N, C-alpha and C. Protein backbone atom coordinates (compact mmCIF):
# COMPACT_ATOMS: atom_id res chain seq x y z
N MET A 1 36.71 16.61 -15.43
CA MET A 1 35.41 17.19 -15.65
C MET A 1 34.58 16.88 -14.42
N ALA A 2 33.84 17.80 -13.95
CA ALA A 2 33.01 17.61 -12.75
C ALA A 2 31.81 16.76 -13.06
N GLU A 3 31.40 15.96 -12.11
CA GLU A 3 30.20 15.14 -12.28
C GLU A 3 28.97 16.04 -12.26
N PRO A 4 27.95 15.68 -13.05
CA PRO A 4 26.72 16.51 -13.03
C PRO A 4 26.02 16.47 -11.65
N ARG A 5 25.54 17.54 -11.28
CA ARG A 5 24.84 17.59 -10.00
C ARG A 5 23.50 16.90 -10.12
N PRO A 6 23.15 16.16 -9.04
CA PRO A 6 21.82 15.51 -9.05
C PRO A 6 20.70 16.57 -9.10
N ARG A 7 19.62 16.19 -9.71
CA ARG A 7 18.47 17.07 -9.79
C ARG A 7 17.92 17.29 -8.39
N PRO A 8 17.38 18.46 -8.15
CA PRO A 8 16.78 18.72 -6.87
C PRO A 8 15.56 17.77 -6.66
N PRO A 9 15.25 17.52 -5.37
CA PRO A 9 14.16 16.57 -5.08
C PRO A 9 12.88 16.93 -5.77
N GLN A 10 12.56 18.25 -5.91
CA GLN A 10 11.29 18.55 -6.51
C GLN A 10 11.18 18.12 -7.96
N GLY A 11 12.34 17.93 -8.67
CA GLY A 11 12.34 17.38 -9.99
C GLY A 11 11.87 15.92 -9.99
N ARG A 12 12.30 15.21 -8.96
CA ARG A 12 11.82 13.79 -8.85
C ARG A 12 10.36 13.72 -8.60
N TRP A 13 9.87 14.62 -7.71
CA TRP A 13 8.46 14.63 -7.42
C TRP A 13 7.65 15.02 -8.65
N ARG A 14 8.18 15.96 -9.38
CA ARG A 14 7.47 16.39 -10.58
C ARG A 14 7.37 15.28 -11.61
N ARG A 15 8.48 14.47 -11.76
CA ARG A 15 8.44 13.33 -12.69
C ARG A 15 7.49 12.30 -12.20
N ARG A 16 7.47 12.04 -10.89
CA ARG A 16 6.51 11.06 -10.35
C ARG A 16 5.07 11.51 -10.52
N ALA A 17 4.85 12.76 -10.30
CA ALA A 17 3.49 13.31 -10.47
C ALA A 17 3.06 13.19 -11.95
N ALA A 18 4.03 13.41 -12.85
CA ALA A 18 3.77 13.31 -14.29
C ALA A 18 3.41 11.86 -14.65
N SER A 19 4.00 10.92 -13.98
CA SER A 19 3.76 9.47 -14.33
C SER A 19 2.27 9.17 -13.99
N PHE A 20 1.72 9.84 -12.97
CA PHE A 20 0.29 9.59 -12.71
C PHE A 20 -0.55 10.11 -13.87
N GLY A 21 -0.16 11.27 -14.42
CA GLY A 21 -0.80 11.79 -15.57
C GLY A 21 -0.76 10.86 -16.75
N HIS A 22 0.38 10.25 -17.01
CA HIS A 22 0.53 9.29 -18.09
C HIS A 22 -0.42 8.11 -17.82
N ALA A 23 -0.48 7.65 -16.56
CA ALA A 23 -1.32 6.51 -16.23
C ALA A 23 -2.81 6.85 -16.52
N TRP A 24 -3.26 8.03 -16.07
CA TRP A 24 -4.62 8.40 -16.29
C TRP A 24 -4.94 8.57 -17.78
N ARG A 25 -3.96 9.07 -18.51
CA ARG A 25 -4.14 9.18 -19.96
C ARG A 25 -4.37 7.77 -20.58
N GLY A 26 -3.63 6.80 -20.10
CA GLY A 26 -3.81 5.43 -20.55
C GLY A 26 -5.20 4.88 -20.23
N VAL A 27 -5.69 5.17 -19.02
CA VAL A 27 -7.02 4.67 -18.66
C VAL A 27 -8.06 5.37 -19.53
N ARG A 28 -7.93 6.66 -19.74
CA ARG A 28 -8.89 7.41 -20.62
C ARG A 28 -8.83 6.87 -22.04
N ALA A 29 -7.64 6.63 -22.56
CA ALA A 29 -7.56 6.13 -23.94
C ALA A 29 -8.20 4.76 -24.07
N ALA A 30 -7.96 3.91 -23.11
CA ALA A 30 -8.56 2.58 -23.16
C ALA A 30 -10.12 2.69 -23.02
N LEU A 31 -10.54 3.58 -22.18
CA LEU A 31 -11.98 3.73 -21.93
C LEU A 31 -12.67 4.24 -23.21
N ARG A 32 -11.99 5.11 -23.96
CA ARG A 32 -12.55 5.61 -25.21
C ARG A 32 -12.61 4.56 -26.29
N SER A 33 -11.65 3.62 -26.28
CA SER A 33 -11.51 2.73 -27.46
C SER A 33 -11.97 1.31 -27.21
N GLU A 34 -12.15 0.92 -25.94
CA GLU A 34 -12.46 -0.50 -25.64
C GLU A 34 -13.91 -0.62 -25.14
N ILE A 35 -14.75 -1.32 -25.95
CA ILE A 35 -16.13 -1.49 -25.62
C ILE A 35 -16.33 -2.26 -24.31
N HIS A 36 -15.43 -3.24 -24.07
CA HIS A 36 -15.54 -4.01 -22.83
C HIS A 36 -15.26 -3.13 -21.61
N LEU A 37 -14.34 -2.23 -21.71
CA LEU A 37 -14.05 -1.37 -20.60
C LEU A 37 -15.19 -0.39 -20.36
N GLN A 38 -15.86 0.00 -21.43
CA GLN A 38 -17.04 0.84 -21.29
C GLN A 38 -18.16 0.09 -20.58
N PHE A 39 -18.29 -1.22 -20.90
CA PHE A 39 -19.27 -2.03 -20.16
C PHE A 39 -18.89 -2.10 -18.71
N HIS A 40 -17.63 -2.29 -18.41
CA HIS A 40 -17.20 -2.33 -16.97
C HIS A 40 -17.46 -1.04 -16.29
N ALA A 41 -17.32 0.09 -17.00
CA ALA A 41 -17.63 1.40 -16.40
C ALA A 41 -19.08 1.51 -16.04
N VAL A 42 -19.96 1.05 -16.94
CA VAL A 42 -21.39 1.07 -16.62
C VAL A 42 -21.72 0.13 -15.47
N ALA A 43 -21.08 -1.07 -15.45
CA ALA A 43 -21.33 -1.99 -14.35
C ALA A 43 -20.78 -1.40 -13.04
N THR A 44 -19.68 -0.69 -13.09
CA THR A 44 -19.14 -0.07 -11.88
C THR A 44 -20.13 0.99 -11.33
N ALA A 45 -20.68 1.77 -12.26
CA ALA A 45 -21.63 2.77 -11.82
C ALA A 45 -22.87 2.11 -11.23
N ALA A 46 -23.35 1.02 -11.80
CA ALA A 46 -24.49 0.27 -11.25
C ALA A 46 -24.18 -0.29 -9.87
N VAL A 47 -22.99 -0.81 -9.69
CA VAL A 47 -22.60 -1.32 -8.40
C VAL A 47 -22.54 -0.24 -7.34
N LEU A 48 -22.01 0.93 -7.73
CA LEU A 48 -21.97 2.08 -6.77
C LEU A 48 -23.36 2.53 -6.39
N ALA A 49 -24.28 2.61 -7.37
CA ALA A 49 -25.62 3.06 -7.11
C ALA A 49 -26.34 2.01 -6.24
N LEU A 50 -26.16 0.72 -6.57
CA LEU A 50 -26.85 -0.30 -5.73
C LEU A 50 -26.23 -0.32 -4.33
N GLY A 51 -24.94 -0.12 -4.20
CA GLY A 51 -24.31 -0.08 -2.91
C GLY A 51 -24.85 1.08 -2.03
N ALA A 52 -25.04 2.20 -2.64
CA ALA A 52 -25.59 3.36 -1.93
C ALA A 52 -27.04 3.05 -1.51
N TYR A 53 -27.79 2.47 -2.38
CA TYR A 53 -29.19 2.10 -2.09
C TYR A 53 -29.26 1.12 -0.91
N CYS A 54 -28.37 0.16 -0.94
CA CYS A 54 -28.37 -0.90 0.15
C CYS A 54 -27.70 -0.44 1.46
N HIS A 55 -27.10 0.78 1.48
CA HIS A 55 -26.43 1.24 2.64
C HIS A 55 -25.38 0.19 3.16
N LEU A 56 -24.45 -0.11 2.29
CA LEU A 56 -23.45 -1.14 2.61
C LEU A 56 -22.57 -0.77 3.77
N ALA A 57 -22.05 -1.72 4.45
CA ALA A 57 -21.11 -1.53 5.51
C ALA A 57 -19.70 -1.27 4.87
N ARG A 58 -18.80 -0.76 5.68
CA ARG A 58 -17.45 -0.46 5.20
C ARG A 58 -16.79 -1.67 4.60
N LEU A 59 -16.86 -2.81 5.23
CA LEU A 59 -16.20 -4.01 4.72
C LEU A 59 -16.80 -4.48 3.39
N GLU A 60 -18.16 -4.31 3.26
CA GLU A 60 -18.76 -4.64 1.99
C GLU A 60 -18.29 -3.69 0.89
N TRP A 61 -18.19 -2.42 1.17
CA TRP A 61 -17.62 -1.48 0.19
C TRP A 61 -16.20 -1.91 -0.19
N ALA A 62 -15.43 -2.28 0.81
CA ALA A 62 -14.02 -2.66 0.54
C ALA A 62 -13.96 -3.89 -0.40
N LEU A 63 -14.79 -4.85 -0.12
CA LEU A 63 -14.83 -6.06 -0.96
C LEU A 63 -15.22 -5.72 -2.43
N LEU A 64 -16.24 -4.89 -2.53
CA LEU A 64 -16.65 -4.46 -3.89
C LEU A 64 -15.57 -3.67 -4.57
N ALA A 65 -14.86 -2.78 -3.85
CA ALA A 65 -13.81 -1.97 -4.43
C ALA A 65 -12.70 -2.87 -4.96
N LEU A 66 -12.33 -3.85 -4.14
CA LEU A 66 -11.29 -4.78 -4.64
C LEU A 66 -11.76 -5.57 -5.85
N ALA A 67 -12.99 -5.97 -5.86
CA ALA A 67 -13.50 -6.74 -7.04
C ALA A 67 -13.48 -5.87 -8.29
N VAL A 68 -13.98 -4.67 -8.12
CA VAL A 68 -14.02 -3.74 -9.29
C VAL A 68 -12.59 -3.44 -9.74
N ALA A 69 -11.70 -3.17 -8.82
CA ALA A 69 -10.35 -2.87 -9.19
C ALA A 69 -9.66 -4.07 -9.90
N ALA A 70 -9.99 -5.28 -9.46
CA ALA A 70 -9.40 -6.47 -10.12
C ALA A 70 -9.90 -6.55 -11.59
N VAL A 71 -11.16 -6.28 -11.81
CA VAL A 71 -11.71 -6.39 -13.18
C VAL A 71 -11.11 -5.29 -14.05
N TRP A 72 -11.05 -4.07 -13.54
CA TRP A 72 -10.48 -2.95 -14.34
C TRP A 72 -9.00 -3.20 -14.62
N THR A 73 -8.30 -3.72 -13.64
CA THR A 73 -6.84 -4.02 -13.83
C THR A 73 -6.67 -5.08 -14.88
N ALA A 74 -7.46 -6.16 -14.77
CA ALA A 74 -7.35 -7.26 -15.77
C ALA A 74 -7.68 -6.73 -17.15
N GLU A 75 -8.73 -5.90 -17.27
CA GLU A 75 -9.16 -5.40 -18.58
C GLU A 75 -8.05 -4.48 -19.17
N LEU A 76 -7.49 -3.62 -18.36
CA LEU A 76 -6.45 -2.74 -18.83
C LEU A 76 -5.23 -3.53 -19.24
N ALA A 77 -4.84 -4.51 -18.47
CA ALA A 77 -3.73 -5.39 -18.84
C ALA A 77 -4.03 -6.11 -20.13
N ASN A 78 -5.22 -6.63 -20.30
CA ASN A 78 -5.63 -7.32 -21.49
C ASN A 78 -5.50 -6.37 -22.71
N THR A 79 -5.98 -5.15 -22.56
CA THR A 79 -5.88 -4.17 -23.64
C THR A 79 -4.45 -3.91 -24.05
N ALA A 80 -3.58 -3.75 -23.00
CA ALA A 80 -2.13 -3.49 -23.28
C ALA A 80 -1.51 -4.66 -23.97
N ILE A 81 -1.82 -5.90 -23.54
CA ILE A 81 -1.26 -7.09 -24.15
C ILE A 81 -1.77 -7.20 -25.61
N GLU A 82 -3.03 -6.97 -25.83
CA GLU A 82 -3.54 -7.02 -27.19
C GLU A 82 -2.87 -5.99 -28.12
N SER A 83 -2.75 -4.77 -27.61
CA SER A 83 -2.08 -3.74 -28.40
C SER A 83 -0.66 -4.07 -28.75
N LEU A 84 0.06 -4.49 -27.74
CA LEU A 84 1.48 -4.87 -27.96
C LEU A 84 1.61 -6.10 -28.89
N THR A 85 0.70 -7.05 -28.74
CA THR A 85 0.71 -8.22 -29.58
C THR A 85 0.49 -7.82 -31.02
N ASP A 86 -0.52 -6.91 -31.24
CA ASP A 86 -0.81 -6.45 -32.61
C ASP A 86 0.39 -5.71 -33.21
N LEU A 87 1.11 -5.01 -32.36
CA LEU A 87 2.29 -4.28 -32.85
C LEU A 87 3.38 -5.25 -33.35
N VAL A 88 3.71 -6.22 -32.50
CA VAL A 88 4.88 -7.11 -32.82
C VAL A 88 4.47 -8.24 -33.73
N SER A 89 3.18 -8.57 -33.83
CA SER A 89 2.76 -9.64 -34.71
C SER A 89 1.50 -9.26 -35.44
N PRO A 90 1.67 -8.37 -36.49
CA PRO A 90 0.49 -7.91 -37.21
C PRO A 90 -0.19 -9.03 -38.00
N ASP A 91 0.56 -10.04 -38.40
CA ASP A 91 -0.05 -11.20 -39.10
C ASP A 91 -0.32 -12.21 -38.01
N TYR A 92 -1.26 -13.14 -38.34
CA TYR A 92 -1.63 -14.15 -37.37
C TYR A 92 -0.46 -15.02 -37.05
N HIS A 93 -0.30 -15.30 -35.77
CA HIS A 93 0.69 -16.26 -35.30
C HIS A 93 0.04 -16.99 -34.09
N PRO A 94 0.20 -18.29 -34.04
CA PRO A 94 -0.48 -19.05 -32.92
C PRO A 94 -0.09 -18.56 -31.56
N LEU A 95 1.18 -18.17 -31.34
CA LEU A 95 1.59 -17.65 -30.02
C LEU A 95 0.96 -16.34 -29.68
N ALA A 96 0.76 -15.49 -30.73
CA ALA A 96 0.08 -14.22 -30.50
C ALA A 96 -1.37 -14.45 -30.11
N GLY A 97 -2.00 -15.36 -30.80
CA GLY A 97 -3.34 -15.72 -30.47
C GLY A 97 -3.48 -16.30 -29.05
N ARG A 98 -2.50 -17.11 -28.69
CA ARG A 98 -2.51 -17.72 -27.36
C ARG A 98 -2.36 -16.63 -26.29
N ALA A 99 -1.45 -15.68 -26.52
CA ALA A 99 -1.23 -14.60 -25.55
C ALA A 99 -2.52 -13.80 -25.38
N LYS A 100 -3.24 -13.50 -26.45
CA LYS A 100 -4.44 -12.76 -26.38
C LYS A 100 -5.55 -13.56 -25.62
N ASP A 101 -5.58 -14.85 -25.94
CA ASP A 101 -6.58 -15.72 -25.26
C ASP A 101 -6.35 -15.77 -23.76
N ILE A 102 -5.08 -15.89 -23.36
CA ILE A 102 -4.76 -15.98 -21.94
C ILE A 102 -5.09 -14.67 -21.26
N ALA A 103 -4.76 -13.56 -21.89
CA ALA A 103 -5.09 -12.24 -21.32
C ALA A 103 -6.58 -12.11 -21.17
N ALA A 104 -7.35 -12.50 -22.16
CA ALA A 104 -8.85 -12.46 -22.08
C ALA A 104 -9.32 -13.38 -20.97
N GLY A 105 -8.67 -14.50 -20.77
CA GLY A 105 -9.05 -15.40 -19.72
C GLY A 105 -8.88 -14.79 -18.36
N ALA A 106 -7.83 -13.96 -18.22
CA ALA A 106 -7.65 -13.26 -16.89
C ALA A 106 -8.80 -12.30 -16.67
N VAL A 107 -9.29 -11.66 -17.69
CA VAL A 107 -10.42 -10.76 -17.51
C VAL A 107 -11.70 -11.63 -17.15
N LEU A 108 -11.88 -12.73 -17.80
CA LEU A 108 -13.03 -13.55 -17.51
C LEU A 108 -12.99 -13.98 -16.04
N LEU A 109 -11.85 -14.46 -15.58
CA LEU A 109 -11.77 -14.91 -14.18
C LEU A 109 -12.01 -13.77 -13.19
N ALA A 110 -11.43 -12.61 -13.51
CA ALA A 110 -11.67 -11.48 -12.63
C ALA A 110 -13.16 -11.09 -12.61
N ALA A 111 -13.81 -11.09 -13.74
CA ALA A 111 -15.21 -10.71 -13.83
C ALA A 111 -16.06 -11.76 -13.09
N LEU A 112 -15.77 -13.06 -13.24
CA LEU A 112 -16.51 -14.08 -12.50
C LEU A 112 -16.33 -13.94 -11.02
N GLY A 113 -15.10 -13.63 -10.59
CA GLY A 113 -14.86 -13.36 -9.18
C GLY A 113 -15.64 -12.17 -8.66
N ALA A 114 -15.70 -11.15 -9.47
CA ALA A 114 -16.44 -9.96 -9.08
C ALA A 114 -17.95 -10.22 -8.98
N LEU A 115 -18.43 -11.07 -9.90
CA LEU A 115 -19.86 -11.47 -9.81
C LEU A 115 -20.13 -12.24 -8.54
N LEU A 116 -19.23 -13.12 -8.17
CA LEU A 116 -19.36 -13.87 -6.93
C LEU A 116 -19.35 -12.93 -5.74
N VAL A 117 -18.43 -12.00 -5.66
CA VAL A 117 -18.36 -11.03 -4.60
C VAL A 117 -19.61 -10.22 -4.59
N GLY A 118 -20.05 -9.76 -5.72
CA GLY A 118 -21.29 -8.96 -5.77
C GLY A 118 -22.50 -9.75 -5.29
N GLY A 119 -22.57 -11.03 -5.67
CA GLY A 119 -23.70 -11.84 -5.14
C GLY A 119 -23.62 -12.04 -3.64
N LEU A 120 -22.45 -12.26 -3.14
CA LEU A 120 -22.31 -12.44 -1.69
C LEU A 120 -22.59 -11.16 -0.90
N VAL A 121 -22.25 -10.04 -1.46
CA VAL A 121 -22.43 -8.74 -0.78
C VAL A 121 -23.92 -8.32 -0.91
N PHE A 122 -24.43 -8.36 -2.14
CA PHE A 122 -25.79 -7.78 -2.35
C PHE A 122 -26.92 -8.84 -2.03
N GLY A 123 -26.57 -10.13 -2.11
CA GLY A 123 -27.63 -11.11 -1.93
C GLY A 123 -28.42 -10.93 -0.60
N PRO A 124 -27.76 -10.79 0.50
CA PRO A 124 -28.53 -10.65 1.77
C PRO A 124 -29.36 -9.29 1.78
N HIS A 125 -28.80 -8.26 1.17
CA HIS A 125 -29.50 -6.97 1.16
C HIS A 125 -30.76 -7.01 0.27
N LEU A 126 -30.70 -7.86 -0.72
CA LEU A 126 -31.83 -7.91 -1.67
C LEU A 126 -32.77 -9.09 -1.35
N GLY A 127 -32.50 -9.76 -0.25
CA GLY A 127 -33.37 -10.84 0.18
C GLY A 127 -33.23 -12.12 -0.66
N LEU A 128 -32.08 -12.29 -1.30
CA LEU A 128 -31.90 -13.45 -2.12
C LEU A 128 -31.46 -14.68 -1.25
N PHE A 129 -30.77 -14.41 -0.19
CA PHE A 129 -30.43 -15.43 0.76
C PHE A 129 -29.94 -14.82 2.05
């Protein structure tokens, strides 16, 4: 029996493009269901507006973009870990609670880092230091 022919390259590209769609669907689902992510979305909009008002330099925008991306990434990972933990451990288990606490801690650290970056970037523009 002959071996199956490999799919044409466009099939691979189509699957890869579809994976971006799945990823965006996940972001939208989390944004609709997670109040903390909604807070981060409002904070992101405020940072963008304040950045435009302050006429930030390219490096300042880059630092803010990295900080915002870190917070969003941590929050999405936290949401995924919480959902998966709820699936595999619907009843309370100390390890499940520990996993959720650690994931929440990652969000806290990312948010504190973003606040620090925001202070360092916006402070001079706002005459704070």
